[in-house]
Amino acid sequence: MTLVDSVSNPKQTLDRSVLMPITRRPEPVMVRGEGSYLWDDRGRCFLDFVQGWATNALGHCAPEVRAALNAQAGQLMMASPAYDNQRELTLARRLVDRSKLAHVHFSSSGAEANEVALKVARKWGRIHKGGAFEILTTHDAFHGRTLAAMAASGKAGWDALFPPNLPGFRKLPHGDLEAMRSAIDARTVAILVEPIQGEAGVVVPPPGYLRGLRELADEHDLLLMFDEIQTGIGRTGTLFAFESEQALPDVLTLGKGLGSGVPLSAALVNARAACLGLGDQGGTYHGNPLMTAVGLAVLDTVDRPEFLGAVRARGAELGAGLDELVRVHGGSARGRGLLWAYQLTSPIAESIRDRCFERGLLVNAARPTVLRFMPSLRVTSSEIASMLATLRSVLEAAA
């Protein structure tokens, strides 16, 4: 009996009521993935331009990820954070050397990595800035769903969900250097931004923004922290998005693509920001060899000039195709590498998403007027063309 047969067997009823109702999902249940494609329990195939919200950097069930898991599972899966393991140390060295930072702590999710960054900023302010604790973030930012990460985020309505909220965050417009400059005072310890806002609908700041933030942080003796949970590990055509302006941060967080489908994230700091000591941070699964073995396999694949060059080439094709849709249907397109958004002229993004789903295409409605595209970094030209053709037909039908 195949997995599809097993899942669709009427004797094995799948009851959705056992899950907390935290999000709306379509009726089919996904059972298999390969590359750019997903299959559901009814045998339908979907072209996936969501890829776990940019998590599957190498596509579904990438052979490198499977091989790393299989090999490591036969050697050592868990040694406890009380002991070093070879894969953790090797991946840490690779990330430190490649980022030009100094130390790394591994976690299991992007929110956890951002929690580490927030702890670093608070402790650094206590040691070096006379108790300064306030962190400047941006409107519409998304940094995760823990209480501290939500307080740092600028997503509308979140401040009313779980009060009282953690204090110490000020929200400024993304991409506005002067607003950031005017907000700095004696309480300010750090600036935390996404180089490109993903959840907000792929909001790309003006050229020079990241470099300007670096200069602001240096001028006022602040920590500059970049949340690259979504933009890191090749997503924008360079290994790290900050490389586009050579704006090296003091603190860098990575996730999603680093594990390419397995739970792995990292928080990196330079020597200046390194202030956490014994007992300040930890986690049962942090840095376990099974996940860090996958991280090494992902870096081995992505961090090559020819791979990143292909990401940029496919990204240019995707951007050009979206521009053609804009020419016909209006709106605008924005993005970099293989992270793109289509700004629609009316709030029909969810309707377009649902119609695409009916035709076997998975896209994300990031906002009522914004569709977001996050394909595998290995997406092919023909898959991009297929996605654009389906989207074109849906837009024509909607018109």
Protein backbone atom coordinates (compact mmCIF):
# COMPACT_ATOMS: atom_id res chain seq x y z
CA MET A 1 0.00 0.00 0.00
CA THR A 2 1.40 3.38 -0.99
CA LEU A 3 1.44 6.41 1.25
CA VAL A 4 -1.32 7.98 -0.86
CA ASP A 5 -3.44 4.82 -0.57
CA SER A 6 -2.85 4.69 3.18
CA VAL A 7 -3.77 8.32 3.78
CA SER A 8 -6.86 8.17 1.54
CA ASN A 9 -8.08 4.86 2.99
CA PRO A 10 -11.59 5.57 4.36
CA LYS A 11 -10.79 3.35 7.33
CA GLN A 12 -8.15 5.86 8.38
CA THR A 13 -10.13 9.06 8.84
CA LEU A 14 -8.06 12.18 9.36
CA ASP A 15 -9.76 14.43 11.90
CA ARG A 16 -8.86 18.13 11.60
CA SER A 17 -10.55 18.97 14.89
CA VAL A 18 -7.60 17.60 16.87
CA LEU A 19 -5.45 20.54 15.71
CA MET A 20 -5.72 23.99 17.25
CA PRO A 21 -7.57 26.16 14.69
CA ILE A 22 -4.75 28.66 14.17
CA THR A 23 -4.90 28.97 10.38
CA ARG A 24 -7.16 28.22 7.43
CA ARG A 25 -6.03 25.38 5.20
CA PRO A 26 -7.57 23.89 2.05
CA GLU A 27 -9.21 20.48 2.23
CA PRO A 28 -6.52 18.23 0.63
CA VAL A 29 -3.74 16.78 2.79
CA MET A 30 -0.20 16.87 1.39
CA VAL A 31 1.55 13.51 1.38
CA ARG A 32 4.61 13.72 -0.90
CA GLY A 33 7.02 16.26 -2.35
CA GLU A 34 9.84 16.27 -4.86
CA GLY A 35 11.68 19.30 -6.19
CA SER A 36 9.15 21.96 -7.17
CA TYR A 37 6.12 19.69 -6.78
CA LEU A 38 3.73 18.54 -4.05
CA TRP A 39 1.15 15.74 -4.18
CA ASP A 40 -1.96 15.50 -2.03
CA ASP A 41 -3.89 12.53 -0.66
CA ARG A 42 -6.11 12.56 -3.75
CA GLY A 43 -3.19 12.14 -6.11
CA ARG A 44 -3.22 15.74 -7.39
CA CYS A 45 0.10 17.38 -8.26
CA PHE A 46 0.84 21.03 -7.42
CA LEU A 47 3.60 23.29 -8.70
CA ASP A 48 4.85 24.82 -5.45
CA PHE A 49 5.93 28.47 -5.46
CA VAL A 50 5.53 28.73 -1.67
CA GLN A 51 8.03 26.02 -0.61
CA GLY A 52 7.28 26.21 3.09
CA TRP A 53 7.46 30.04 3.00
CA ALA A 54 10.93 30.01 1.41
CA THR A 55 12.13 27.17 3.63
CA ASN A 56 12.86 24.48 1.03
CA ALA A 57 15.88 26.17 -0.52
CA LEU A 58 16.76 23.03 -2.50
CA GLY A 59 13.17 21.96 -3.16
CA HIS A 60 11.12 19.19 -1.60
CA CYS A 61 13.06 16.16 -0.38
CA ALA A 62 16.34 17.35 -1.91
CA PRO A 63 18.79 14.46 -2.45
CA GLU A 64 21.51 16.29 -0.50
CA VAL A 65 19.21 16.68 2.50
CA ARG A 66 18.11 13.04 2.37
CA ALA A 67 21.69 11.84 2.08
CA ALA A 68 22.86 13.98 5.00
CA LEU A 69 20.00 12.76 7.20
CA ASN A 70 20.55 9.12 6.30
CA ALA A 71 24.30 9.25 6.85
CA GLN A 72 24.12 11.17 10.12
CA ALA A 73 21.23 9.12 11.50
CA GLY A 74 23.49 6.09 11.40
CA GLN A 75 26.25 7.86 13.34
CA LEU A 76 24.86 10.29 15.91
CA MET A 77 21.53 12.11 16.07
CA MET A 78 21.60 13.66 19.53
CA ALA A 79 24.47 14.17 21.96
CA SER A 80 22.87 16.81 24.23
CA PRO A 81 23.95 20.46 24.20
CA ALA A 82 26.16 19.55 27.16
CA TYR A 83 28.70 18.17 24.66
CA ASP A 84 30.21 19.42 21.43
CA ASN A 85 29.60 17.48 18.25
CA GLN A 86 31.55 17.45 15.02
CA ARG A 87 28.78 18.63 12.68
CA GLU A 88 27.85 21.58 14.89
CA LEU A 89 31.45 22.78 15.12
CA THR A 90 32.06 22.35 11.40
CA LEU A 91 28.91 24.25 10.39
CA ALA A 92 29.69 26.99 12.92
CA ARG A 93 33.16 27.46 11.42
CA ARG A 94 31.74 27.59 7.90
CA LEU A 95 29.16 30.23 8.79
CA VAL A 96 31.59 32.34 10.81
CA ASP A 97 34.18 32.32 8.03
CA ARG A 98 31.66 33.06 5.31
CA SER A 99 29.83 35.85 7.18
CA LYS A 100 32.98 37.42 8.67
CA LEU A 101 31.36 37.33 12.12
CA ALA A 102 32.83 35.65 15.20
CA HIS A 103 30.43 33.33 17.05
CA VAL A 104 27.25 31.37 16.34
CA HIS A 105 24.46 29.76 18.36
CA PHE A 106 22.18 27.24 16.64
CA SER A 107 18.46 26.95 17.32
CA SER A 108 15.50 25.21 15.75
CA SER A 109 13.43 28.13 14.41
CA GLY A 110 13.80 31.68 13.18
CA ALA A 111 11.92 33.06 16.17
CA GLU A 112 14.41 31.37 18.51
CA ALA A 113 17.34 32.85 16.60
CA ASN A 114 15.78 36.30 16.88
CA GLU A 115 15.25 35.75 20.61
CA VAL A 116 19.01 35.24 20.89
CA ALA A 117 19.58 38.50 19.01
CA LEU A 118 17.22 40.37 21.35
CA LYS A 119 18.97 38.94 24.40
CA VAL A 120 22.34 39.98 22.99
CA ALA A 121 21.11 43.53 22.47
CA ARG A 122 19.62 43.83 25.97
CA LYS A 123 22.70 42.46 27.71
CA TRP A 124 25.09 44.48 25.54
CA GLY A 125 23.17 47.64 26.42
CA ARG A 126 23.44 46.87 30.10
CA ILE A 127 27.20 46.29 29.86
CA HIS A 128 28.26 48.92 27.33
CA LYS A 129 25.49 51.55 27.07
CA GLY A 130 24.51 52.38 30.64
CA GLY A 131 21.43 50.18 30.62
CA ALA A 132 20.11 51.20 27.19
CA PHE A 133 17.51 48.63 26.12
CA GLU A 134 15.34 50.03 23.34
CA ILE A 135 15.53 48.37 19.93
CA LEU A 136 14.43 50.20 16.79
CA THR A 137 12.46 48.00 14.39
CA THR A 138 10.12 48.72 11.49
CA HIS A 139 6.42 48.82 10.69
CA ASP A 140 5.15 45.59 9.08
CA ALA A 141 8.29 43.71 10.16
CA PHE A 142 7.95 40.03 10.96
CA HIS A 143 10.45 38.49 13.40
CA GLY A 144 8.56 35.43 14.69
CA ARG A 145 5.76 34.37 17.01
CA THR A 146 7.32 34.17 20.46
CA LEU A 147 6.20 37.00 22.76
CA ALA A 148 9.48 38.92 22.39
CA ALA A 149 9.66 38.38 18.63
CA MET A 150 6.07 39.54 18.28
CA ALA A 151 6.84 42.66 20.32
CA ALA A 152 9.73 43.38 17.96
CA SER A 153 7.53 42.81 14.91
CA GLY A 154 5.42 45.53 13.37
CA LYS A 155 2.54 43.42 12.12
CA ALA A 156 -0.77 45.24 12.45
CA GLY A 157 -2.99 44.00 15.26
CA TRP A 158 -0.37 41.94 17.05
CA ASP A 159 -0.12 44.43 19.90
CA ALA A 160 -3.70 43.52 20.88
CA LEU A 161 -3.29 39.72 20.89
CA PHE A 162 -1.43 38.86 24.11
CA PRO A 163 -1.08 41.94 26.33
CA PRO A 164 0.73 43.14 28.29
CA ASN A 165 3.38 43.41 25.61
CA LEU A 166 7.12 43.30 26.18
CA PRO A 167 8.33 46.93 26.23
CA GLY A 168 11.44 48.32 24.62
CA PHE A 169 10.66 48.45 20.88
CA ARG A 170 9.99 51.42 18.62
CA LYS A 171 8.61 50.96 15.10
CA LEU A 172 9.74 53.16 12.21
CA PRO A 173 8.94 53.11 8.48
CA HIS A 174 11.00 50.51 6.62
CA GLY A 175 13.48 52.08 4.21
CA ASP A 176 13.43 55.51 5.88
CA LEU A 177 16.90 56.37 7.18
CA GLU A 178 15.93 59.80 8.47
CA ALA A 179 13.08 58.38 10.53
CA MET A 180 15.50 55.89 12.04
CA ARG A 181 18.02 58.62 12.76
CA SER A 182 15.47 60.87 14.46
CA ALA A 183 14.32 58.01 16.74
CA ILE A 184 17.75 57.36 18.28
CA ASP A 185 18.15 58.57 21.86
CA ALA A 186 19.93 57.59 25.07
CA ARG A 187 17.72 54.50 25.50
CA THR A 188 18.56 53.08 22.07
CA VAL A 189 20.80 50.03 21.98
CA ALA A 190 20.20 48.41 18.57
CA ILE A 191 18.53 48.51 15.16
CA LEU A 192 16.80 45.35 13.94
CA VAL A 193 15.55 45.09 10.35
CA GLU A 194 14.88 42.60 7.58
CA PRO A 195 17.03 43.57 4.56
CA ILE A 196 13.91 42.82 2.49
CA GLN A 197 10.61 42.49 4.33
CA GLY A 198 9.15 39.11 3.39
CA GLU A 199 5.89 38.68 5.29
CA ALA A 200 4.97 42.30 4.52
CA GLY A 201 4.93 41.46 0.82
CA VAL A 202 8.56 41.55 -0.35
CA VAL A 203 9.18 45.20 0.51
CA VAL A 204 12.56 46.16 -0.98
CA PRO A 205 14.18 49.25 0.59
CA PRO A 206 15.80 51.96 -1.54
CA PRO A 207 19.44 51.49 -2.55
CA GLY A 208 21.84 52.51 0.20
CA TYR A 209 19.43 51.76 3.05
CA LEU A 210 21.42 48.90 4.56
CA ARG A 211 24.68 50.78 4.20
CA GLY A 212 23.07 53.84 5.77
CA LEU A 213 21.94 51.78 8.74
CA ARG A 214 25.50 50.55 9.21
CA GLU A 215 26.74 54.13 9.26
CA LEU A 216 24.00 55.16 11.71
CA ALA A 217 24.90 52.33 14.06
CA ASP A 218 28.58 53.23 13.92
CA GLU A 219 27.87 56.94 14.48
CA HIS A 220 25.73 56.29 17.58
CA ASP A 221 27.53 53.20 18.95
CA LEU A 222 24.59 50.86 18.37
CA LEU A 223 24.32 47.21 17.37
CA LEU A 224 23.09 46.64 13.82
CA MET A 225 21.06 43.41 13.61
CA PHE A 226 19.80 41.89 10.37
CA ASP A 227 17.01 39.32 10.39
CA GLU A 228 17.82 37.16 7.36
CA ILE A 229 15.58 34.27 8.33
CA GLN A 230 13.91 34.54 4.91
CA THR A 231 16.47 36.39 2.79
CA GLY A 232 19.57 34.42 3.82
CA ILE A 233 21.18 31.33 2.25
CA GLY A 234 20.95 32.37 -1.39
CA ARG A 235 17.33 33.51 -1.57
CA THR A 236 18.18 36.95 -3.00
CA GLY A 237 21.01 35.76 -5.29
CA THR A 238 23.86 36.20 -2.81
CA LEU A 239 24.45 33.96 0.20
CA PHE A 240 23.39 36.82 2.51
CA ALA A 241 21.19 39.73 1.44
CA PHE A 242 23.44 42.24 3.25
CA GLU A 243 26.18 41.44 0.71
CA SER A 244 24.30 43.52 -1.86
CA GLU A 245 25.59 46.63 -0.06
CA GLN A 246 28.48 45.13 1.92
CA ALA A 247 26.72 46.32 5.08
CA LEU A 248 28.12 43.83 7.58
CA PRO A 249 25.89 43.61 10.69
CA ASP A 250 26.95 43.05 14.28
CA VAL A 251 24.26 40.39 14.68
CA LEU A 252 22.82 38.16 11.95
CA THR A 253 19.99 35.66 12.20
CA LEU A 254 19.41 32.83 9.73
CA GLY A 255 16.76 30.13 9.37
CA LYS A 256 14.40 28.65 6.78
CA GLY A 257 16.80 27.95 3.89
CA LEU A 258 19.65 26.98 6.21
CA GLY A 259 17.85 23.71 6.98
CA SER A 260 16.08 23.39 3.61
CA GLY A 261 13.12 21.67 5.25
CA VAL A 262 14.50 20.61 8.63
CA PRO A 263 14.30 22.78 11.79
CA LEU A 264 17.59 24.68 11.93
CA SER A 265 18.41 28.33 12.57
CA ALA A 266 21.41 30.36 13.70
CA ALA A 267 22.25 33.62 15.42
CA LEU A 268 25.71 35.02 14.64
CA VAL A 269 27.51 37.87 16.40
CA ASN A 270 30.77 39.68 15.83
CA ALA A 271 33.40 40.08 18.54
CA ARG A 272 31.98 43.48 19.52
CA ALA A 273 28.51 42.08 20.20
CA ALA A 274 29.65 38.87 21.88
CA CYS A 275 28.36 39.22 25.45
CA LEU A 276 26.29 36.14 26.29
CA GLY A 277 27.87 33.98 28.96
CA LEU A 278 27.36 30.60 30.57
CA GLY A 279 23.69 29.90 31.17
CA ASP A 280 22.43 32.89 29.18
CA GLN A 281 21.07 30.76 26.33
CA GLY A 282 20.36 27.11 25.61
CA GLY A 283 17.92 24.60 24.18
CA THR A 284 17.54 20.84 24.17
CA TYR A 285 17.81 20.45 20.39
CA HIS A 286 20.12 23.36 19.67
CA GLY A 287 23.05 22.40 17.46
CA ASN A 288 22.16 18.71 17.30
CA PRO A 289 24.26 16.79 14.75
CA LEU A 290 21.31 15.57 12.68
CA MET A 291 20.17 19.09 11.78
CA THR A 292 23.62 20.65 11.48
CA ALA A 293 24.66 17.87 9.10
CA VAL A 294 21.86 19.06 6.83
CA GLY A 295 23.00 22.68 7.20
CA LEU A 296 26.47 21.66 5.97
CA ALA A 297 24.98 19.87 2.96
CA VAL A 298 22.88 22.95 2.12
CA LEU A 299 25.90 25.28 2.32
CA ASP A 300 27.97 22.90 0.20
CA THR A 301 25.30 23.16 -2.49
CA VAL A 302 24.18 26.79 -2.33
CA ASP A 303 27.44 28.61 -1.62
CA ARG A 304 28.92 28.11 -5.07
CA PRO A 305 29.22 30.84 -7.73
CA GLU A 306 27.43 28.77 -10.37
CA PHE A 307 24.49 27.99 -8.07
CA LEU A 308 24.03 31.60 -6.95
CA GLY A 309 24.44 32.74 -10.56
CA ALA A 310 21.57 30.43 -11.54
CA VAL A 311 19.43 31.89 -8.75
CA ARG A 312 19.99 35.37 -10.15
CA ALA A 313 19.26 34.22 -13.71
CA ARG A 314 16.01 32.46 -12.77
CA GLY A 315 15.09 35.45 -10.61
CA ALA A 316 15.51 37.74 -13.61
CA GLU A 317 13.20 35.47 -15.62
CA LEU A 318 10.58 35.49 -12.87
CA GLY A 319 10.81 39.27 -12.53
CA ALA A 320 10.50 39.79 -16.28
CA GLY A 321 7.47 37.52 -16.42
CA LEU A 322 5.76 39.38 -13.61
CA ASP A 323 6.54 42.69 -15.31
CA GLU A 324 4.73 41.41 -18.40
CA LEU A 325 1.68 40.55 -16.29
CA VAL A 326 1.86 44.05 -14.80
CA ARG A 327 1.89 45.53 -18.32
CA VAL A 328 -1.34 43.73 -19.16
CA HIS A 329 -3.20 43.63 -15.84
CA GLY A 330 -1.75 46.61 -13.95
CA GLY A 331 -0.20 46.73 -10.50
CA SER A 332 3.51 46.37 -9.90
CA ALA A 333 6.18 43.74 -9.25
CA ARG A 334 9.13 43.85 -6.88
CA GLY A 335 11.78 41.50 -5.59
CA ARG A 336 15.29 40.17 -5.86
CA GLY A 337 16.73 36.76 -6.62
CA LEU A 338 13.93 34.24 -6.09
CA LEU A 339 11.84 36.29 -3.67
CA TRP A 340 9.17 38.27 -5.55
CA ALA A 341 5.79 39.90 -5.07
CA TYR A 342 3.01 41.02 -7.40
CA GLN A 343 1.13 44.07 -6.11
CA LEU A 344 -2.43 43.76 -7.43
CA THR A 345 -4.71 46.70 -8.17
CA SER A 346 -7.46 45.47 -5.83
CA PRO A 347 -7.72 43.27 -2.71
CA ILE A 348 -8.24 39.95 -4.52
CA ALA A 349 -5.00 38.17 -3.58
CA GLU A 350 -6.75 35.40 -1.62
CA SER A 351 -9.19 34.80 -4.46
CA ILE A 352 -6.34 34.57 -6.96
CA ARG A 353 -4.45 32.22 -4.63
CA ASP A 354 -7.48 29.95 -4.32
CA ARG A 355 -8.10 29.89 -8.08
CA CYS A 356 -4.44 29.04 -8.65
CA PHE A 357 -4.77 26.20 -6.13
CA GLU A 358 -7.70 24.80 -8.11
CA ARG A 359 -5.44 24.74 -11.18
CA GLY A 360 -2.55 23.04 -9.40
CA LEU A 361 -0.41 26.07 -8.51
CA LEU A 362 0.59 27.10 -4.99
CA VAL A 363 1.24 30.80 -4.39
CA ASN A 364 1.05 32.89 -1.22
CA ALA A 365 -1.33 35.77 -0.53
CA ALA A 366 0.96 37.81 1.69
CA ARG A 367 -1.44 40.74 1.93
CA PRO A 368 -4.95 41.38 0.55
CA THR A 369 -3.39 43.03 -2.50
CA VAL A 370 -0.07 41.12 -2.68
CA LEU A 371 0.89 37.71 -4.06
CA ARG A 372 4.29 36.37 -2.95
CA PHE A 373 6.49 33.89 -4.85
CA MET A 374 9.18 31.84 -3.08
CA PRO A 375 10.10 28.89 -5.33
CA SER A 376 12.89 26.42 -4.81
CA LEU A 377 16.28 27.95 -5.57
CA ARG A 378 16.52 25.15 -8.15
CA VAL A 379 13.34 26.18 -9.97
CA THR A 380 13.72 25.74 -13.73
CA SER A 381 12.90 28.13 -16.55
CA SER A 382 10.10 25.84 -17.68
CA GLU A 383 8.60 25.76 -14.18
CA ILE A 384 8.68 29.55 -14.03
CA ALA A 385 7.00 29.71 -17.44
CA SER A 386 4.34 27.23 -16.28
CA MET A 387 3.64 29.26 -13.14
CA LEU A 388 3.34 32.48 -15.14
CA ALA A 389 0.99 30.85 -17.67
CA THR A 390 -1.32 29.59 -14.93
CA LEU A 391 -1.28 32.92 -13.13
CA ARG A 392 -1.97 34.72 -16.42
CA SER A 393 -5.02 32.56 -17.09
CA VAL A 394 -6.34 33.10 -13.57
CA LEU A 395 -5.89 36.87 -13.83
CA GLU A 396 -7.68 36.89 -17.18
CA ALA A 397 -10.57 34.91 -15.71
CA ALA A 398 -10.73 37.23 -12.70
CA ALA A 399 -10.77 40.28 -14.93
